[in-house]
ModelCIF file with pLDDT and N, C-alpha, C, O atoms, coordinates in Angstrom:
data_MODEL
#
_entry.id   MODEL 
#
_entity.id                         1 
_entity.type                       polymer 
_entity.pdbx_number_of_molecules   1 
#
_entity_poly.entity_id                      1 
_entity_poly.type                           'polypeptide(L)' 
_entity_poly.nstd_linkage                   no 
_entity_poly.nstd_monomer                   no 
_entity_poly.pdbx_seq_one_letter_code       
;(UNK)(UNK)(UNK)(UNK)(UNK)(UNK)(UNK)(UNK)(UNK)(UNK)(UNK)(UNK)(UNK)(UNK)(UNK)(UNK)
(UNK)(UNK)(UNK)(UNK)(UNK)(UNK)(UNK)(UNK)(UNK)(UNK)(UNK)(UNK)(UNK)(UNK)(UNK)(UNK)
(UNK)(UNK)(UNK)(UNK)(UNK)(UNK)(UNK)(UNK)(UNK)(UNK)
;
_entity_poly.pdbx_seq_one_letter_code_can   XXXXXXXXXXXXXXXXXXXXXXXXXXXXXXXXXXXXXXXXXX 
_entity_poly.pdbx_strand_id                 A 
#
loop_
_entity_poly_seq.entity_id 
_entity_poly_seq.num 
_entity_poly_seq.mon_id 
_entity_poly_seq.hetero 
1 1  UNK n 
1 2  UNK n 
1 3  UNK n 
1 4  UNK n 
1 5  UNK n 
1 6  UNK n 
1 7  UNK n 
1 8  UNK n 
1 9  UNK n 
1 10 UNK n 
1 11 UNK n 
1 12 UNK n 
1 13 UNK n 
1 14 UNK n 
1 15 UNK n 
1 16 UNK n 
1 17 UNK n 
1 18 UNK n 
1 19 UNK n 
1 20 UNK n 
1 21 UNK n 
1 22 UNK n 
1 23 UNK n 
1 24 UNK n 
1 25 UNK n 
1 26 UNK n 
1 27 UNK n 
1 28 UNK n 
1 29 UNK n 
1 30 UNK n 
1 31 UNK n 
1 32 UNK n 
1 33 UNK n 
1 34 UNK n 
1 35 UNK n 
1 36 UNK n 
1 37 UNK n 
1 38 UNK n 
1 39 UNK n 
1 40 UNK n 
1 41 UNK n 
1 42 UNK n 
#
_struct_asym.id          A 
_struct_asym.entity_id   1 
#
loop_
_ma_qa_metric.id 
_ma_qa_metric.mode 
_ma_qa_metric.name 
_ma_qa_metric.software_group_id 
_ma_qa_metric.type 
1 global pLDDT . pLDDT 
2 local  pLDDT . pLDDT 
#
_ma_qa_metric_global.metric_id      1 
_ma_qa_metric_global.metric_value   98.00 
_ma_qa_metric_global.model_id       1 
_ma_qa_metric_global.ordinal_id     1 
#
loop_
_ma_qa_metric_local.label_asym_id 
_ma_qa_metric_local.label_comp_id 
_ma_qa_metric_local.label_seq_id 
_ma_qa_metric_local.metric_id 
_ma_qa_metric_local.metric_value 
_ma_qa_metric_local.model_id 
_ma_qa_metric_local.ordinal_id 
A UNK 1  2 98.00 1 1  
A UNK 2  2 98.00 1 2  
A UNK 3  2 98.00 1 3  
A UNK 4  2 98.00 1 4  
A UNK 5  2 98.00 1 5  
A UNK 6  2 98.00 1 6  
A UNK 7  2 98.00 1 7  
A UNK 8  2 97.00 1 8  
A UNK 9  2 98.00 1 9  
A UNK 10 2 98.00 1 10 
A UNK 11 2 98.00 1 11 
A UNK 12 2 99.00 1 12 
A UNK 13 2 98.00 1 13 
A UNK 14 2 98.00 1 14 
A UNK 15 2 98.00 1 15 
A UNK 16 2 98.00 1 16 
A UNK 17 2 98.00 1 17 
A UNK 18 2 98.00 1 18 
A UNK 19 2 98.00 1 19 
A UNK 20 2 98.00 1 20 
A UNK 21 2 98.00 1 21 
A UNK 22 2 98.00 1 22 
A UNK 23 2 98.00 1 23 
A UNK 24 2 98.00 1 24 
A UNK 25 2 98.00 1 25 
A UNK 26 2 98.00 1 26 
A UNK 27 2 98.00 1 27 
A UNK 28 2 98.00 1 28 
A UNK 29 2 98.00 1 29 
A UNK 30 2 98.00 1 30 
A UNK 31 2 98.00 1 31 
A UNK 32 2 98.00 1 32 
A UNK 33 2 98.00 1 33 
A UNK 34 2 98.00 1 34 
A UNK 35 2 98.00 1 35 
A UNK 36 2 98.00 1 36 
A UNK 37 2 98.00 1 37 
A UNK 38 2 98.00 1 38 
A UNK 39 2 98.00 1 39 
A UNK 40 2 98.00 1 40 
A UNK 41 2 98.00 1 41 
A UNK 42 2 98.00 1 42 
#
loop_
_atom_site.group_PDB 
_atom_site.id 
_atom_site.type_symbol 
_atom_site.label_atom_id 
_atom_site.label_alt_id 
_atom_site.label_comp_id 
_atom_site.label_asym_id 
_atom_site.label_entity_id 
_atom_site.label_seq_id 
_atom_site.pdbx_PDB_ins_code 
_atom_site.Cartn_x 
_atom_site.Cartn_y 
_atom_site.Cartn_z 
_atom_site.occupancy 
_atom_site.B_iso_or_equiv 
_atom_site.pdbx_formal_charge 
_atom_site.auth_seq_id 
_atom_site.auth_comp_id 
_atom_site.auth_asym_id 
_atom_site.auth_atom_id 
_atom_site.pdbx_PDB_model_num 
ATOM 1   N N  . UNK A 1 1  ? -6.130  -2.973  4.589  1.00 98.00 ? 1  UNK A N  1 
ATOM 2   C CA . UNK A 1 1  ? -5.734  -1.639  5.043  1.00 98.00 ? 1  UNK A CA 1 
ATOM 3   C C  . UNK A 1 1  ? -5.964  -0.598  3.955  1.00 98.00 ? 1  UNK A C  1 
ATOM 4   O O  . UNK A 1 1  ? -6.498  0.477   4.228  1.00 98.00 ? 1  UNK A O  1 
ATOM 5   N N  . UNK A 1 2  ? -5.564  -0.910  2.723  1.00 98.00 ? 2  UNK A N  1 
ATOM 6   C CA . UNK A 1 2  ? -5.698  0.059   1.634  1.00 98.00 ? 2  UNK A CA 1 
ATOM 7   C C  . UNK A 1 2  ? -7.148  0.295   1.228  1.00 98.00 ? 2  UNK A C  1 
ATOM 8   O O  . UNK A 1 2  ? -7.443  1.278   0.548  1.00 98.00 ? 2  UNK A O  1 
ATOM 9   N N  . UNK A 1 3  ? -8.050  -0.582  1.629  1.00 98.00 ? 3  UNK A N  1 
ATOM 10  C CA . UNK A 1 3  ? -9.476  -0.400  1.340  1.00 98.00 ? 3  UNK A CA 1 
ATOM 11  C C  . UNK A 1 3  ? -10.117 0.630   2.279  1.00 98.00 ? 3  UNK A C  1 
ATOM 12  O O  . UNK A 1 3  ? -11.249 1.060   2.055  1.00 98.00 ? 3  UNK A O  1 
ATOM 13  N N  . UNK A 1 4  ? -9.391  1.017   3.321  1.00 98.00 ? 4  UNK A N  1 
ATOM 14  C CA . UNK A 1 4  ? -9.882  2.017   4.271  1.00 98.00 ? 4  UNK A CA 1 
ATOM 15  C C  . UNK A 1 4  ? -9.504  3.417   3.803  1.00 98.00 ? 4  UNK A C  1 
ATOM 16  O O  . UNK A 1 4  ? -8.627  3.575   2.954  1.00 98.00 ? 4  UNK A O  1 
ATOM 17  N N  . UNK A 1 5  ? -10.162 4.429   4.353  1.00 98.00 ? 5  UNK A N  1 
ATOM 18  C CA . UNK A 1 5  ? -9.818  5.810   4.036  1.00 98.00 ? 5  UNK A CA 1 
ATOM 19  C C  . UNK A 1 5  ? -8.391  6.085   4.498  1.00 98.00 ? 5  UNK A C  1 
ATOM 20  O O  . UNK A 1 5  ? -8.064  5.921   5.674  1.00 98.00 ? 5  UNK A O  1 
ATOM 21  N N  . UNK A 1 6  ? -7.554  6.502   3.568  1.00 98.00 ? 6  UNK A N  1 
ATOM 22  C CA . UNK A 1 6  ? -6.149  6.751   3.878  1.00 98.00 ? 6  UNK A CA 1 
ATOM 23  C C  . UNK A 1 6  ? -5.756  8.208   3.823  1.00 98.00 ? 6  UNK A C  1 
ATOM 24  O O  . UNK A 1 6  ? -4.572  8.524   3.712  1.00 98.00 ? 6  UNK A O  1 
ATOM 25  N N  . UNK A 1 7  ? -6.726  9.104   3.898  1.00 98.00 ? 7  UNK A N  1 
ATOM 26  C CA . UNK A 1 7  ? -6.442  10.535  3.790  1.00 98.00 ? 7  UNK A CA 1 
ATOM 27  C C  . UNK A 1 7  ? -5.315  10.935  4.741  1.00 98.00 ? 7  UNK A C  1 
ATOM 28  O O  . UNK A 1 7  ? -5.427  10.772  5.956  1.00 98.00 ? 7  UNK A O  1 
ATOM 29  N N  . UNK A 1 8  ? -4.222  11.465  4.170  1.00 97.00 ? 8  UNK A N  1 
ATOM 30  C CA . UNK A 1 8  ? -3.096  11.950  4.959  1.00 97.00 ? 8  UNK A CA 1 
ATOM 31  C C  . UNK A 1 8  ? -2.209  10.877  5.545  1.00 97.00 ? 8  UNK A C  1 
ATOM 32  O O  . UNK A 1 8  ? -1.392  11.167  6.419  1.00 97.00 ? 8  UNK A O  1 
ATOM 33  N N  . UNK A 1 9  ? -2.349  9.623   5.081  1.00 98.00 ? 9  UNK A N  1 
ATOM 34  C CA . UNK A 1 9  ? -1.593  8.526   5.685  1.00 98.00 ? 9  UNK A CA 1 
ATOM 35  C C  . UNK A 1 9  ? -0.681  7.819   4.679  1.00 98.00 ? 9  UNK A C  1 
ATOM 36  O O  . UNK A 1 9  ? -0.898  7.856   3.468  1.00 98.00 ? 9  UNK A O  1 
ATOM 37  N N  . UNK A 1 10 ? 0.347   7.175   5.236  1.00 98.00 ? 10 UNK A N  1 
ATOM 38  C CA . UNK A 1 10 ? 1.279   6.357   4.463  1.00 98.00 ? 10 UNK A CA 1 
ATOM 39  C C  . UNK A 1 10 ? 1.305   4.976   5.101  1.00 98.00 ? 10 UNK A C  1 
ATOM 40  O O  . UNK A 1 10 ? 1.514   4.849   6.307  1.00 98.00 ? 10 UNK A O  1 
ATOM 41  N N  . UNK A 1 11 ? 1.092   3.940   4.291  1.00 98.00 ? 11 UNK A N  1 
ATOM 42  C CA . UNK A 1 11 ? 1.142   2.568   4.779  1.00 98.00 ? 11 UNK A CA 1 
ATOM 43  C C  . UNK A 1 11 ? 2.588   2.075   4.717  1.00 98.00 ? 11 UNK A C  1 
ATOM 44  O O  . UNK A 1 11 ? 3.197   2.039   3.648  1.00 98.00 ? 11 UNK A O  1 
ATOM 45  N N  . UNK A 1 12 ? 3.125   1.698   5.877  1.00 99.00 ? 12 UNK A N  1 
ATOM 46  C CA . UNK A 1 12 ? 4.477   1.148   5.968  1.00 99.00 ? 12 UNK A CA 1 
ATOM 47  C C  . UNK A 1 12 ? 4.335   -0.346  6.224  1.00 99.00 ? 12 UNK A C  1 
ATOM 48  O O  . UNK A 1 12 ? 3.801   -0.768  7.250  1.00 99.00 ? 12 UNK A O  1 
ATOM 49  N N  . UNK A 1 13 ? 4.826   -1.145  5.265  1.00 98.00 ? 13 UNK A N  1 
ATOM 50  C CA . UNK A 1 13 ? 4.664   -2.594  5.312  1.00 98.00 ? 13 UNK A CA 1 
ATOM 51  C C  . UNK A 1 13 ? 6.002   -3.258  5.583  1.00 98.00 ? 13 UNK A C  1 
ATOM 52  O O  . UNK A 1 13 ? 6.926   -3.166  4.776  1.00 98.00 ? 13 UNK A O  1 
ATOM 53  N N  . UNK A 1 14 ? 6.101   -3.930  6.727  1.00 98.00 ? 14 UNK A N  1 
ATOM 54  C CA . UNK A 1 14 ? 7.277   -4.746  7.017  1.00 98.00 ? 14 UNK A CA 1 
ATOM 55  C C  . UNK A 1 14 ? 6.998   -6.126  6.448  1.00 98.00 ? 14 UNK A C  1 
ATOM 56  O O  . UNK A 1 14 ? 6.317   -6.947  7.061  1.00 98.00 ? 14 UNK A O  1 
ATOM 57  N N  . UNK A 1 15 ? 7.542   -6.362  5.262  1.00 98.00 ? 15 UNK A N  1 
ATOM 58  C CA . UNK A 1 15 ? 7.390   -7.650  4.594  1.00 98.00 ? 15 UNK A CA 1 
ATOM 59  C C  . UNK A 1 15 ? 8.558   -8.573  4.854  1.00 98.00 ? 15 UNK A C  1 
ATOM 60  O O  . UNK A 1 15 ? 8.777   -9.533  4.116  1.00 98.00 ? 15 UNK A O  1 
ATOM 61  N N  . UNK A 1 16 ? 9.316   -8.280  5.915  1.00 98.00 ? 16 UNK A N  1 
ATOM 62  C CA . UNK A 1 16 ? 10.448  -9.128  6.270  1.00 98.00 ? 16 UNK A CA 1 
ATOM 63  C C  . UNK A 1 16 ? 11.592  -9.054  5.283  1.00 98.00 ? 16 UNK A C  1 
ATOM 64  O O  . UNK A 1 16 ? 12.530  -9.847  5.366  1.00 98.00 ? 16 UNK A O  1 
ATOM 65  N N  . UNK A 1 17 ? 11.534  -8.110  4.344  1.00 98.00 ? 17 UNK A N  1 
ATOM 66  C CA . UNK A 1 17 ? 12.587  -7.982  3.340  1.00 98.00 ? 17 UNK A CA 1 
ATOM 67  C C  . UNK A 1 17 ? 12.557  -9.091  2.297  1.00 98.00 ? 17 UNK A C  1 
ATOM 68  O O  . UNK A 1 17 ? 13.516  -9.264  1.545  1.00 98.00 ? 17 UNK A O  1 
ATOM 69  N N  . UNK A 1 18 ? 11.467  -9.839  2.251  1.00 98.00 ? 18 UNK A N  1 
ATOM 70  C CA . UNK A 1 18 ? 11.375  -10.960 1.309  1.00 98.00 ? 18 UNK A CA 1 
ATOM 71  C C  . UNK A 1 18 ? 11.455  -10.481 -0.140 1.00 98.00 ? 18 UNK A C  1 
ATOM 72  O O  . UNK A 1 18 ? 10.805  -9.512  -0.534 1.00 98.00 ? 18 UNK A O  1 
ATOM 73  N N  . UNK A 1 19 ? 12.256  -11.177 -0.905 1.00 98.00 ? 19 UNK A N  1 
ATOM 74  C CA . UNK A 1 19 ? 12.390  -10.913 -2.336 1.00 98.00 ? 19 UNK A CA 1 
ATOM 75  C C  . UNK A 1 19 ? 11.803  -12.057 -3.150 1.00 98.00 ? 19 UNK A C  1 
ATOM 76  O O  . UNK A 1 19 ? 12.170  -12.245 -4.310 1.00 98.00 ? 19 UNK A O  1 
ATOM 77  N N  . UNK A 1 20 ? 10.883  -12.833 -2.545 1.00 98.00 ? 20 UNK A N  1 
ATOM 78  C CA . UNK A 1 20 ? 10.346  -14.029 -3.207 1.00 98.00 ? 20 UNK A CA 1 
ATOM 79  C C  . UNK A 1 20 ? 8.963   -13.842 -3.822 1.00 98.00 ? 20 UNK A C  1 
ATOM 80  O O  . UNK A 1 20 ? 8.496   -14.708 -4.562 1.00 98.00 ? 20 UNK A O  1 
ATOM 81  N N  . UNK A 1 21 ? 8.296   -12.716 -3.524 1.00 98.00 ? 21 UNK A N  1 
ATOM 82  C CA . UNK A 1 21 ? 7.000   -12.421 -4.136 1.00 98.00 ? 21 UNK A CA 1 
ATOM 83  C C  . UNK A 1 21 ? 6.679   -10.950 -3.886 1.00 98.00 ? 21 UNK A C  1 
ATOM 84  O O  . UNK A 1 21 ? 7.359   -10.277 -3.112 1.00 98.00 ? 21 UNK A O  1 
ATOM 85  N N  . UNK A 1 22 ? 5.633   -10.462 -4.553 1.00 98.00 ? 22 UNK A N  1 
ATOM 86  C CA . UNK A 1 22 ? 5.229   -9.063  -4.419 1.00 98.00 ? 22 UNK A CA 1 
ATOM 87  C C  . UNK A 1 22 ? 4.086   -8.922  -3.421 1.00 98.00 ? 22 UNK A C  1 
ATOM 88  O O  . UNK A 1 22 ? 3.192   -9.766  -3.355 1.00 98.00 ? 22 UNK A O  1 
ATOM 89  N N  . UNK A 1 23 ? 4.131   -7.850  -2.655 1.00 98.00 ? 23 UNK A N  1 
ATOM 90  C CA . UNK A 1 23 ? 3.072   -7.555  -1.692 1.00 98.00 ? 23 UNK A CA 1 
ATOM 91  C C  . UNK A 1 23 ? 2.096   -6.500  -2.211 1.00 98.00 ? 23 UNK A C  1 
ATOM 92  O O  . UNK A 1 23 ? 0.980   -6.389  -1.704 1.00 98.00 ? 23 UNK A O  1 
ATOM 93  N N  . UNK A 1 24 ? 2.504   -5.732  -3.211 1.00 98.00 ? 24 UNK A N  1 
ATOM 94  C CA . UNK A 1 24 ? 1.663   -4.692  -3.794 1.00 98.00 ? 24 UNK A CA 1 
ATOM 95  C C  . UNK A 1 24 ? 1.787   -4.767  -5.307 1.00 98.00 ? 24 UNK A C  1 
ATOM 96  O O  . UNK A 1 24 ? 2.884   -4.905  -5.848 1.00 98.00 ? 24 UNK A O  1 
ATOM 97  N N  . UNK A 1 25 ? 0.639   -4.675  -5.986 1.00 98.00 ? 25 UNK A N  1 
ATOM 98  C CA . UNK A 1 25 ? 0.595   -4.615  -7.441 1.00 98.00 ? 25 UNK A CA 1 
ATOM 99  C C  . UNK A 1 25 ? -0.242  -3.434  -7.880 1.00 98.00 ? 25 UNK A C  1 
ATOM 100 O O  . UNK A 1 25 ? -0.659  -2.617  -7.059 1.00 98.00 ? 25 UNK A O  1 
ATOM 101 N N  . UNK A 1 26 ? -0.489  -3.345  -9.182 1.00 98.00 ? 26 UNK A N  1 
ATOM 102 C CA . UNK A 1 26 ? -1.204  -2.184  -9.705 1.00 98.00 ? 26 UNK A CA 1 
ATOM 103 C C  . UNK A 1 26 ? -2.616  -2.049  -9.149 1.00 98.00 ? 26 UNK A C  1 
ATOM 104 O O  . UNK A 1 26 ? -3.080  -0.930  -8.930 1.00 98.00 ? 26 UNK A O  1 
ATOM 105 N N  . UNK A 1 27 ? -3.308  -3.157  -8.915 1.00 98.00 ? 27 UNK A N  1 
ATOM 106 C CA . UNK A 1 27 ? -4.680  -3.070  -8.406 1.00 98.00 ? 27 UNK A CA 1 
ATOM 107 C C  . UNK A 1 27 ? -4.715  -2.486  -6.989 1.00 98.00 ? 27 UNK A C  1 
ATOM 108 O O  . UNK A 1 27 ? -5.610  -1.708  -6.657 1.00 98.00 ? 27 UNK A O  1 
ATOM 109 N N  . UNK A 1 28 ? -3.749  -2.860  -6.165 1.00 98.00 ? 28 UNK A N  1 
ATOM 110 C CA . UNK A 1 28 ? -3.695  -2.286  -4.813 1.00 98.00 ? 28 UNK A CA 1 
ATOM 111 C C  . UNK A 1 28 ? -3.261  -0.818  -4.850 1.00 98.00 ? 28 UNK A C  1 
ATOM 112 O O  . UNK A 1 28 ? -3.725  -0.013  -4.042 1.00 98.00 ? 28 UNK A O  1 
ATOM 113 N N  . UNK A 1 29 ? -2.378  -0.473  -5.779 1.00 98.00 ? 29 UNK A N  1 
ATOM 114 C CA . UNK A 1 29 ? -1.973  0.932   -5.914 1.00 98.00 ? 29 UNK A CA 1 
ATOM 115 C C  . UNK A 1 29 ? -3.152  1.789   -6.370 1.00 98.00 ? 29 UNK A C  1 
ATOM 116 O O  . UNK A 1 29 ? -3.327  2.909   -5.892 1.00 98.00 ? 29 UNK A O  1 
ATOM 117 N N  . UNK A 1 30 ? -3.955  1.268   -7.288 1.00 98.00 ? 30 UNK A N  1 
ATOM 118 C CA . UNK A 1 30 ? -5.164  1.986   -7.728 1.00 98.00 ? 30 UNK A CA 1 
ATOM 119 C C  . UNK A 1 30 ? -6.117  2.164   -6.544 1.00 98.00 ? 30 UNK A C  1 
ATOM 120 O O  . UNK A 1 30 ? -6.645  3.255   -6.327 1.00 98.00 ? 30 UNK A O  1 
ATOM 121 N N  . UNK A 1 31 ? -6.332  1.100   -5.786 1.00 98.00 ? 31 UNK A N  1 
ATOM 122 C CA . UNK A 1 31 ? -7.193  1.164   -4.605 1.00 98.00 ? 31 UNK A CA 1 
ATOM 123 C C  . UNK A 1 31 ? -6.686  2.213   -3.627 1.00 98.00 ? 31 UNK A C  1 
ATOM 124 O O  . UNK A 1 31 ? -7.467  3.017   -3.118 1.00 98.00 ? 31 UNK A O  1 
ATOM 125 N N  . UNK A 1 32 ? -5.381  2.210   -3.359 1.00 98.00 ? 32 UNK A N  1 
ATOM 126 C CA . UNK A 1 32 ? -4.783  3.176   -2.432 1.00 98.00 ? 32 UNK A CA 1 
ATOM 127 C C  . UNK A 1 32 ? -5.009  4.603   -2.922 1.00 98.00 ? 32 UNK A C  1 
ATOM 128 O O  . UNK A 1 32 ? -5.341  5.489   -2.134 1.00 98.00 ? 32 UNK A O  1 
ATOM 129 N N  . UNK A 1 33 ? -4.831  4.819   -4.205 1.00 98.00 ? 33 UNK A N  1 
ATOM 130 C CA . UNK A 1 33 ? -5.052  6.156   -4.771 1.00 98.00 ? 33 UNK A CA 1 
ATOM 131 C C  . UNK A 1 33 ? -6.518  6.559   -4.612 1.00 98.00 ? 33 UNK A C  1 
ATOM 132 O O  . UNK A 1 33 ? -6.810  7.692   -4.227 1.00 98.00 ? 33 UNK A O  1 
ATOM 133 N N  . UNK A 1 34 ? -7.432  5.651   -4.902 1.00 98.00 ? 34 UNK A N  1 
ATOM 134 C CA . UNK A 1 34 ? -8.863  5.939   -4.776 1.00 98.00 ? 34 UNK A CA 1 
ATOM 135 C C  . UNK A 1 34 ? -9.251  6.253   -3.328 1.00 98.00 ? 34 UNK A C  1 
ATOM 136 O O  . UNK A 1 34 ? -10.136 7.073   -3.082 1.00 98.00 ? 34 UNK A O  1 
ATOM 137 N N  . UNK A 1 35 ? -8.589  5.604   -2.380 1.00 98.00 ? 35 UNK A N  1 
ATOM 138 C CA . UNK A 1 35 ? -8.892  5.798   -0.959 1.00 98.00 ? 35 UNK A CA 1 
ATOM 139 C C  . UNK A 1 35 ? -8.051  6.913   -0.334 1.00 98.00 ? 35 UNK A C  1 
ATOM 140 O O  . UNK A 1 35 ? -8.066  7.103   0.882  1.00 98.00 ? 35 UNK A O  1 
ATOM 141 N N  . UNK A 1 36 ? -7.322  7.645   -1.173 1.00 98.00 ? 36 UNK A N  1 
ATOM 142 C CA . UNK A 1 36 ? -6.578  8.859   -0.797 1.00 98.00 ? 36 UNK A CA 1 
ATOM 143 C C  . UNK A 1 36 ? -5.346  8.628   0.069  1.00 98.00 ? 36 UNK A C  1 
ATOM 144 O O  . UNK A 1 36 ? -4.926  9.535   0.787  1.00 98.00 ? 36 UNK A O  1 
ATOM 145 N N  . UNK A 1 37 ? -4.757  7.435   0.019  1.00 98.00 ? 37 UNK A N  1 
ATOM 146 C CA . UNK A 1 37 ? -3.491  7.218   0.705  1.00 98.00 ? 37 UNK A CA 1 
ATOM 147 C C  . UNK A 1 37 ? -2.436  8.083   0.024  1.00 98.00 ? 37 UNK A C  1 
ATOM 148 O O  . UNK A 1 37 ? -2.468  8.276   -1.191 1.00 98.00 ? 37 UNK A O  1 
ATOM 149 N N  . UNK A 1 38 ? -1.499  8.603   0.818  1.00 98.00 ? 38 UNK A N  1 
ATOM 150 C CA . UNK A 1 38 ? -0.410  9.420   0.271  1.00 98.00 ? 38 UNK A CA 1 
ATOM 151 C C  . UNK A 1 38 ? 0.694   8.550   -0.306 1.00 98.00 ? 38 UNK A C  1 
ATOM 152 O O  . UNK A 1 38 ? 1.356   8.933   -1.271 1.00 98.00 ? 38 UNK A O  1 
ATOM 153 N N  . UNK A 1 39 ? 0.892   7.371   0.290  1.00 98.00 ? 39 UNK A N  1 
ATOM 154 C CA . UNK A 1 39 ? 1.962   6.517   -0.200 1.00 98.00 ? 39 UNK A CA 1 
ATOM 155 C C  . UNK A 1 39 ? 2.016   5.180   0.495  1.00 98.00 ? 39 UNK A C  1 
ATOM 156 O O  . UNK A 1 39 ? 1.296   4.911   1.457  1.00 98.00 ? 39 UNK A O  1 
ATOM 157 N N  . UNK A 1 40 ? 2.911   4.340   -0.037 1.00 98.00 ? 40 UNK A N  1 
ATOM 158 C CA . UNK A 1 40 ? 3.141   2.995   0.486  1.00 98.00 ? 40 UNK A CA 1 
ATOM 159 C C  . UNK A 1 40 ? 4.648   2.758   0.486  1.00 98.00 ? 40 UNK A C  1 
ATOM 160 O O  . UNK A 1 40 ? 5.322   3.002   -0.515 1.00 98.00 ? 40 UNK A O  1 
ATOM 161 N N  . UNK A 1 41 ? 5.170   2.282   1.609  1.00 98.00 ? 41 UNK A N  1 
ATOM 162 C CA . UNK A 1 41 ? 6.577   1.882   1.715  1.00 98.00 ? 41 UNK A CA 1 
ATOM 163 C C  . UNK A 1 41 ? 6.578   0.393   2.010  1.00 98.00 ? 41 UNK A C  1 
ATOM 164 O O  . UNK A 1 41 ? 5.977   -0.054  2.987  1.00 98.00 ? 41 UNK A O  1 
ATOM 165 N N  . UNK A 1 42 ? 7.259   -0.381  1.157  1.00 98.00 ? 42 UNK A N  1 
ATOM 166 C CA . UNK A 1 42 ? 7.252   -1.838  1.270  1.00 98.00 ? 42 UNK A CA 1 
ATOM 167 C C  . UNK A 1 42 ? 8.661   -2.361  1.526  1.00 98.00 ? 42 UNK A C  1 
ATOM 168 O O  . UNK A 1 42 ? 8.857   -3.569  1.651  1.00 98.00 ? 42 UNK A O  1 
#
């Protein structure tokens, strides 16, 4: 999803509330910024 053009969009991720691993790291945040996403809610 973050590899797509995100101009004007926010990715809302329902990760089931899991606290056992990460769904987003710095590389995905960089990708999101490059693809113009406004934000990510996890």
